[in-house]
Amino acid sequence: MMRLATTVVIAFLQLFEGHHAFSLGSNAIVKRPCHQYRSAAVFSTNDMGTQDEAERLLQRAREMRAEIAALEGRTVTEVEAEAKQERENRRQALLDQEKQSLKRRTEYAKDRKIDGSMMEVPETFEDQVVQARVAVERAFRDGVTRQTIRFELIPEGQVLNEDRQWPGGAQEMYREAAGPLTRELLKQVKAPTKQDTAPNQFVKPPTVKSQDIWDFDGSALITAESSVGPSADVQAMVLPNTDVKYTKDIATINEAMGDRLFLLVNPFWRDLESWGFNVPPK
């Protein structure tokens, strides 16, 4: 029982230390309404308050190490060494997992060709982004400025056939897959609305910004601000659902975007029945 309690306290200590590493010098983002287009992000900092909080957490961590050492009859140095070793073990486990993912991706990439002669099922994060980019740009050239994309939610470094669960729900889906996939797609998509915009003008990648809509829904608005100017900007709403808020936001963004590209990524509805409409059969 004593050992279990100590393990819990050590984990709590590591949580404090992680908070310190994340919070020091962090910025608080002041949100703007999601329909404000190309509005500059507003940042505010409070370095003194953040440093004081970090020092308080570190001091509490030192006190807890001393309490653990006293409970177990060990030195503080031994407790710190154990915590450090556990952190190193976790780090090594993550590295091993990444190596395995890279190995699987390399194996899948062998002897594969993507020359347009046949349609292939995208098996990796990168495959999906490439295929989506080609399809989106082709449709945009044909005049389709409002598009829906449905990704298979594959975290970066993993492949299609892996068994995947989302215990964290929509928030985890956005954080681990939908958000990264959309941001990478918007970095690559070129959708100029001016006829005289040449491909060689896209020298610099766009500036991609993300803004949460409703955090508990895992929904967000992602904007790619093009290096050639606002006429080539792209926006994507990620994981919207049938709540009336999203329909209003979509209508607002649709008007603001004009003939520029606006995407819906993995919306939670599938057909009219998803909206609860009582549509009689034909």
Protein backbone atom coordinates (compact mmCIF):
# COMPACT_ATOMS: atom_id res chain seq x y z
CA MET A 1 0.00 0.00 0.00
CA MET A 2 2.86 2.34 0.86
CA ARG A 3 4.51 1.58 -2.49
CA LEU A 4 1.30 2.25 -4.41
CA ALA A 5 0.82 5.58 -2.68
CA THR A 6 4.40 6.53 -3.46
CA THR A 7 3.96 5.66 -7.14
CA VAL A 8 0.86 7.85 -7.31
CA VAL A 9 2.71 10.76 -5.71
CA ILE A 10 5.63 10.36 -8.13
CA ALA A 11 3.21 10.47 -11.04
CA PHE A 12 1.68 13.59 -9.53
CA LEU A 13 5.12 15.13 -9.26
CA GLN A 14 5.81 14.39 -12.92
CA LEU A 15 2.51 16.02 -13.84
CA PHE A 16 3.62 19.15 -11.99
CA GLU A 17 6.96 19.13 -13.80
CA GLY A 18 5.26 18.68 -17.17
CA HIS A 19 2.97 21.60 -16.39
CA HIS A 20 5.99 23.74 -15.69
CA ALA A 21 7.65 22.81 -18.94
CA PHE A 22 4.48 23.60 -20.89
CA SER A 23 3.43 26.80 -19.13
CA LEU A 24 6.66 28.75 -18.89
CA GLY A 25 6.55 31.56 -21.42
CA SER A 26 3.26 30.32 -22.94
CA ASN A 27 0.82 32.68 -24.66
CA ALA A 28 -2.85 33.12 -23.93
CA ILE A 29 -4.75 33.41 -27.19
CA VAL A 30 -7.61 35.86 -27.24
CA LYS A 31 -10.22 34.34 -29.55
CA ARG A 32 -12.04 36.26 -32.21
CA PRO A 33 -15.35 35.23 -33.79
CA CYS A 34 -14.71 32.41 -36.21
CA HIS A 35 -16.11 34.34 -39.17
CA GLN A 36 -13.58 37.16 -38.91
CA TYR A 37 -11.38 36.47 -41.86
CA ARG A 38 -7.68 37.18 -41.86
CA SER A 39 -8.00 38.84 -38.47
CA ALA A 40 -4.63 39.03 -36.79
CA ALA A 41 -4.23 36.69 -33.85
CA VAL A 42 -4.01 38.58 -30.59
CA PHE A 43 -1.52 37.33 -28.00
CA SER A 44 -0.95 38.48 -24.45
CA THR A 45 1.77 37.40 -22.05
CA ASN A 46 2.24 37.59 -18.33
CA ASP A 47 5.78 36.36 -17.86
CA MET A 48 6.14 37.42 -14.22
CA GLY A 49 2.97 35.65 -13.13
CA THR A 50 3.88 32.55 -15.13
CA GLN A 51 7.36 32.39 -13.60
CA ASP A 52 5.96 32.78 -10.09
CA GLU A 53 3.52 29.93 -10.73
CA ALA A 54 6.29 27.76 -12.15
CA GLU A 55 8.51 28.40 -9.13
CA ARG A 56 5.64 27.57 -6.78
CA LEU A 57 5.06 24.26 -8.56
CA LEU A 58 8.76 23.40 -8.48
CA GLN A 59 8.93 24.19 -4.78
CA ARG A 60 5.91 21.95 -4.14
CA ALA A 61 7.57 19.20 -6.17
CA ARG A 62 10.71 19.44 -4.01
CA GLU A 63 8.60 19.23 -0.84
CA MET A 64 6.76 16.16 -2.13
CA ARG A 65 10.03 14.44 -3.00
CA ALA A 66 11.20 15.04 0.54
CA GLU A 67 7.94 13.55 1.90
CA ILE A 68 8.33 10.46 -0.29
CA ALA A 69 11.93 10.01 0.84
CA ALA A 70 10.88 10.26 4.50
CA LEU A 71 8.05 7.75 4.02
CA GLU A 72 10.27 5.16 2.38
CA GLY A 73 13.43 5.80 4.36
CA ARG A 74 15.33 6.84 1.26
CA THR A 75 17.24 9.96 0.27
CA VAL A 76 15.78 12.71 -1.90
CA THR A 77 18.48 11.92 -4.45
CA GLU A 78 17.22 8.34 -4.77
CA VAL A 79 13.62 9.51 -5.24
CA GLU A 80 14.69 11.99 -7.93
CA ALA A 81 16.73 9.31 -9.67
CA GLU A 82 13.71 6.98 -9.75
CA ALA A 83 11.47 9.69 -11.21
CA LYS A 84 14.12 10.54 -13.79
CA GLN A 85 14.43 6.89 -14.78
CA GLU A 86 10.67 6.57 -15.23
CA ARG A 87 10.66 9.62 -17.49
CA GLU A 88 13.50 8.15 -19.51
CA ASN A 89 11.65 4.84 -19.83
CA ARG A 90 8.59 6.63 -21.19
CA ARG A 91 10.72 8.61 -23.61
CA GLN A 92 12.41 5.45 -24.86
CA ALA A 93 9.03 3.73 -25.27
CA LEU A 94 7.83 6.61 -27.47
CA LEU A 95 11.01 6.42 -29.55
CA ASP A 96 10.57 2.67 -30.01
CA GLN A 97 6.95 3.22 -31.06
CA GLU A 98 8.01 5.81 -33.63
CA LYS A 99 10.66 3.45 -35.03
CA GLN A 100 8.05 0.71 -35.43
CA SER A 101 5.68 3.13 -37.18
CA LEU A 102 8.45 4.25 -39.53
CA LYS A 103 9.30 0.63 -40.31
CA ARG A 104 5.66 -0.15 -41.16
CA ARG A 105 5.40 2.92 -43.36
CA THR A 106 8.59 1.98 -45.19
CA GLU A 107 7.32 -1.53 -45.82
CA TYR A 108 4.05 -0.19 -47.23
CA ALA A 109 5.91 2.24 -49.48
CA LYS A 110 7.94 -0.49 -51.20
CA ASP A 111 7.13 -1.12 -54.85
CA ARG A 112 4.22 1.34 -54.82
CA LYS A 113 3.57 3.77 -57.65
CA ILE A 114 1.21 6.72 -57.70
CA ASP A 115 1.11 7.72 -61.37
CA GLY A 116 -2.61 8.30 -61.76
CA SER A 117 -3.14 5.15 -63.81
CA MET A 118 -5.20 3.57 -61.04
CA MET A 119 -6.96 4.64 -57.87
CA GLU A 120 -5.28 3.43 -54.71
CA VAL A 121 -6.66 3.38 -51.20
CA PRO A 122 -4.51 5.80 -49.20
CA GLU A 123 -2.89 3.81 -46.42
CA THR A 124 -0.95 6.47 -44.53
CA PHE A 125 -1.37 10.01 -43.24
CA GLU A 126 0.76 11.33 -46.10
CA ASP A 127 -1.10 9.33 -48.77
CA GLN A 128 -4.41 10.80 -47.66
CA VAL A 129 -3.14 14.37 -47.74
CA VAL A 130 -1.67 13.95 -51.24
CA GLN A 131 -4.82 12.34 -52.63
CA ALA A 132 -7.07 14.93 -50.98
CA ARG A 133 -4.95 17.81 -52.28
CA VAL A 134 -5.11 16.54 -55.87
CA ALA A 135 -8.89 16.03 -55.67
CA VAL A 136 -9.56 19.39 -54.00
CA GLU A 137 -7.47 21.35 -56.49
CA ARG A 138 -9.04 19.54 -59.46
CA ALA A 139 -12.55 20.29 -58.19
CA PHE A 140 -11.62 23.92 -57.46
CA ARG A 141 -10.35 24.38 -61.02
CA ASP A 142 -13.75 23.09 -62.17
CA GLY A 143 -15.46 25.80 -60.16
CA VAL A 144 -16.36 23.86 -56.99
CA THR A 145 -15.50 26.23 -54.16
CA ARG A 146 -17.47 24.47 -51.40
CA GLN A 147 -16.23 20.96 -50.72
CA THR A 148 -16.55 18.22 -48.11
CA ILE A 149 -13.60 15.98 -47.24
CA ARG A 150 -13.80 12.79 -45.22
CA PHE A 151 -10.44 11.56 -43.99
CA GLU A 152 -9.85 8.19 -42.43
CA LEU A 153 -8.60 9.50 -39.10
CA ILE A 154 -5.04 8.19 -39.10
CA PRO A 155 -2.57 9.82 -36.70
CA GLU A 156 0.72 10.83 -38.28
CA GLY A 157 3.15 7.93 -38.42
CA GLN A 158 0.45 5.23 -38.42
CA VAL A 159 -1.19 3.24 -41.20
CA LEU A 160 -4.72 2.44 -42.28
CA ASN A 161 -5.02 -1.15 -41.11
CA GLU A 162 -4.14 -0.51 -37.48
CA ASP A 163 -6.94 -1.06 -34.95
CA ARG A 164 -7.70 2.38 -33.57
CA GLN A 165 -9.98 3.50 -30.76
CA TRP A 166 -10.87 7.02 -29.65
CA PRO A 167 -11.54 6.86 -25.89
CA GLY A 168 -11.23 10.64 -25.73
CA GLY A 169 -14.06 11.10 -28.24
CA ALA A 170 -14.18 14.01 -30.69
CA GLN A 171 -11.53 15.98 -28.80
CA GLU A 172 -8.99 13.19 -29.26
CA MET A 173 -10.06 12.67 -32.88
CA TYR A 174 -9.33 16.33 -33.61
CA ARG A 175 -6.12 16.50 -31.59
CA GLU A 176 -4.53 13.31 -32.91
CA ALA A 177 -5.77 13.12 -36.50
CA ALA A 178 -8.42 15.48 -37.92
CA GLY A 179 -6.55 18.64 -36.93
CA PRO A 180 -3.10 17.55 -38.16
CA LEU A 181 -4.54 16.13 -41.43
CA THR A 182 -6.41 19.36 -42.16
CA ARG A 183 -3.47 21.61 -41.32
CA GLU A 184 -1.15 19.60 -43.55
CA LEU A 185 -3.69 19.66 -46.38
CA LEU A 186 -4.09 23.44 -46.14
CA LYS A 187 -0.32 23.86 -46.24
CA GLN A 188 -0.29 22.15 -49.64
CA VAL A 189 -3.53 23.21 -51.36
CA LYS A 190 -3.27 26.01 -53.92
CA ALA A 191 -6.59 27.67 -54.72
CA PRO A 192 -6.03 31.11 -56.28
CA THR A 193 -9.13 33.03 -57.33
CA LYS A 194 -7.27 35.54 -59.50
CA GLN A 195 -6.78 34.27 -63.03
CA ASP A 196 -3.35 35.90 -63.33
CA THR A 197 -1.90 34.09 -60.30
CA ALA A 198 0.92 31.90 -61.60
CA PRO A 199 1.99 28.66 -59.84
CA ASN A 200 5.50 30.03 -59.33
CA GLN A 201 4.07 32.75 -57.10
CA PHE A 202 3.42 30.16 -54.37
CA VAL A 203 7.06 30.24 -53.26
CA LYS A 204 6.40 30.53 -49.56
CA PRO A 205 4.03 28.16 -47.75
CA PRO A 206 0.85 29.67 -46.32
CA THR A 207 0.48 30.65 -42.70
CA VAL A 208 -1.88 28.11 -41.14
CA LYS A 209 -3.86 29.15 -38.06
CA SER A 210 -6.23 27.06 -35.93
CA GLN A 211 -9.04 28.33 -33.74
CA ASP A 212 -11.28 26.17 -31.55
CA ILE A 213 -15.00 26.57 -32.13
CA TRP A 214 -16.31 24.39 -29.32
CA ASP A 215 -13.53 22.54 -27.51
CA PHE A 216 -15.83 19.86 -26.11
CA ASP A 217 -16.98 19.06 -29.67
CA GLY A 218 -13.42 18.84 -30.98
CA SER A 219 -14.44 21.36 -33.66
CA ALA A 220 -12.21 24.05 -35.09
CA LEU A 221 -11.79 26.57 -37.89
CA ILE A 222 -8.45 26.32 -39.69
CA THR A 223 -7.28 29.10 -42.00
CA ALA A 224 -4.45 29.06 -44.54
CA GLU A 225 -3.34 32.62 -45.26
CA SER A 226 -1.65 32.46 -48.65
CA SER A 227 1.69 34.13 -49.34
CA VAL A 228 0.24 35.58 -52.58
CA GLY A 229 -2.53 37.44 -50.77
CA PRO A 230 -6.08 37.06 -49.41
CA SER A 231 -7.46 36.04 -52.82
CA ALA A 232 -5.84 32.61 -52.41
CA ASP A 233 -6.74 32.03 -48.76
CA VAL A 234 -8.48 28.81 -47.78
CA GLN A 235 -10.60 27.95 -44.76
CA ALA A 236 -11.73 24.60 -43.36
CA MET A 237 -14.22 23.80 -40.61
CA VAL A 238 -13.23 20.56 -38.87
CA LEU A 239 -15.68 18.12 -37.22
CA PRO A 240 -18.84 20.26 -37.32
CA ASN A 241 -22.09 18.62 -36.25
CA THR A 242 -25.80 19.32 -36.60
CA ASP A 243 -25.99 21.90 -33.81
CA VAL A 244 -27.56 25.14 -35.04
CA LYS A 245 -24.37 27.02 -34.13
CA TYR A 246 -22.50 25.27 -36.92
CA THR A 247 -25.16 25.91 -39.53
CA LYS A 248 -25.05 29.62 -38.64
CA ASP A 249 -21.24 29.70 -38.70
CA ILE A 250 -21.16 27.89 -42.04
CA ALA A 251 -23.60 30.39 -43.51
CA THR A 252 -21.52 33.32 -42.22
CA ILE A 253 -18.22 31.90 -43.48
CA ASN A 254 -19.79 30.95 -46.80
CA GLU A 255 -20.77 34.57 -47.38
CA ALA A 256 -17.42 35.95 -46.23
CA MET A 257 -15.36 33.60 -48.42
CA GLY A 258 -17.05 34.55 -51.68
CA ASP A 259 -15.43 32.57 -54.49
CA ARG A 260 -12.55 31.38 -52.32
CA LEU A 261 -12.23 27.75 -51.20
CA PHE A 262 -14.12 26.67 -48.08
CA LEU A 263 -13.94 23.05 -46.85
CA LEU A 264 -15.92 20.98 -44.38
CA VAL A 265 -13.71 18.24 -42.96
CA ASN A 266 -15.27 15.09 -41.49
CA PRO A 267 -18.65 16.58 -40.59
CA PHE A 268 -20.60 14.32 -38.25
CA TRP A 269 -23.70 14.23 -40.44
CA ARG A 270 -24.12 11.71 -43.24
CA ASP A 271 -27.52 12.41 -44.82
CA LEU A 272 -30.83 14.14 -44.07
CA GLU A 273 -31.64 11.58 -41.37
CA SER A 274 -28.63 12.84 -39.40
CA TRP A 275 -30.50 16.13 -38.93
CA GLY A 276 -33.64 14.48 -37.56
CA PHE A 277 -35.79 15.65 -40.43
CA ASN A 278 -38.90 13.62 -41.09
CA VAL A 279 -38.46 13.16 -44.83
CA PRO A 280 -41.11 10.92 -46.43
CA PRO A 281 -39.81 8.12 -48.66
CA LYS A 282 -39.91 8.71 -52.41
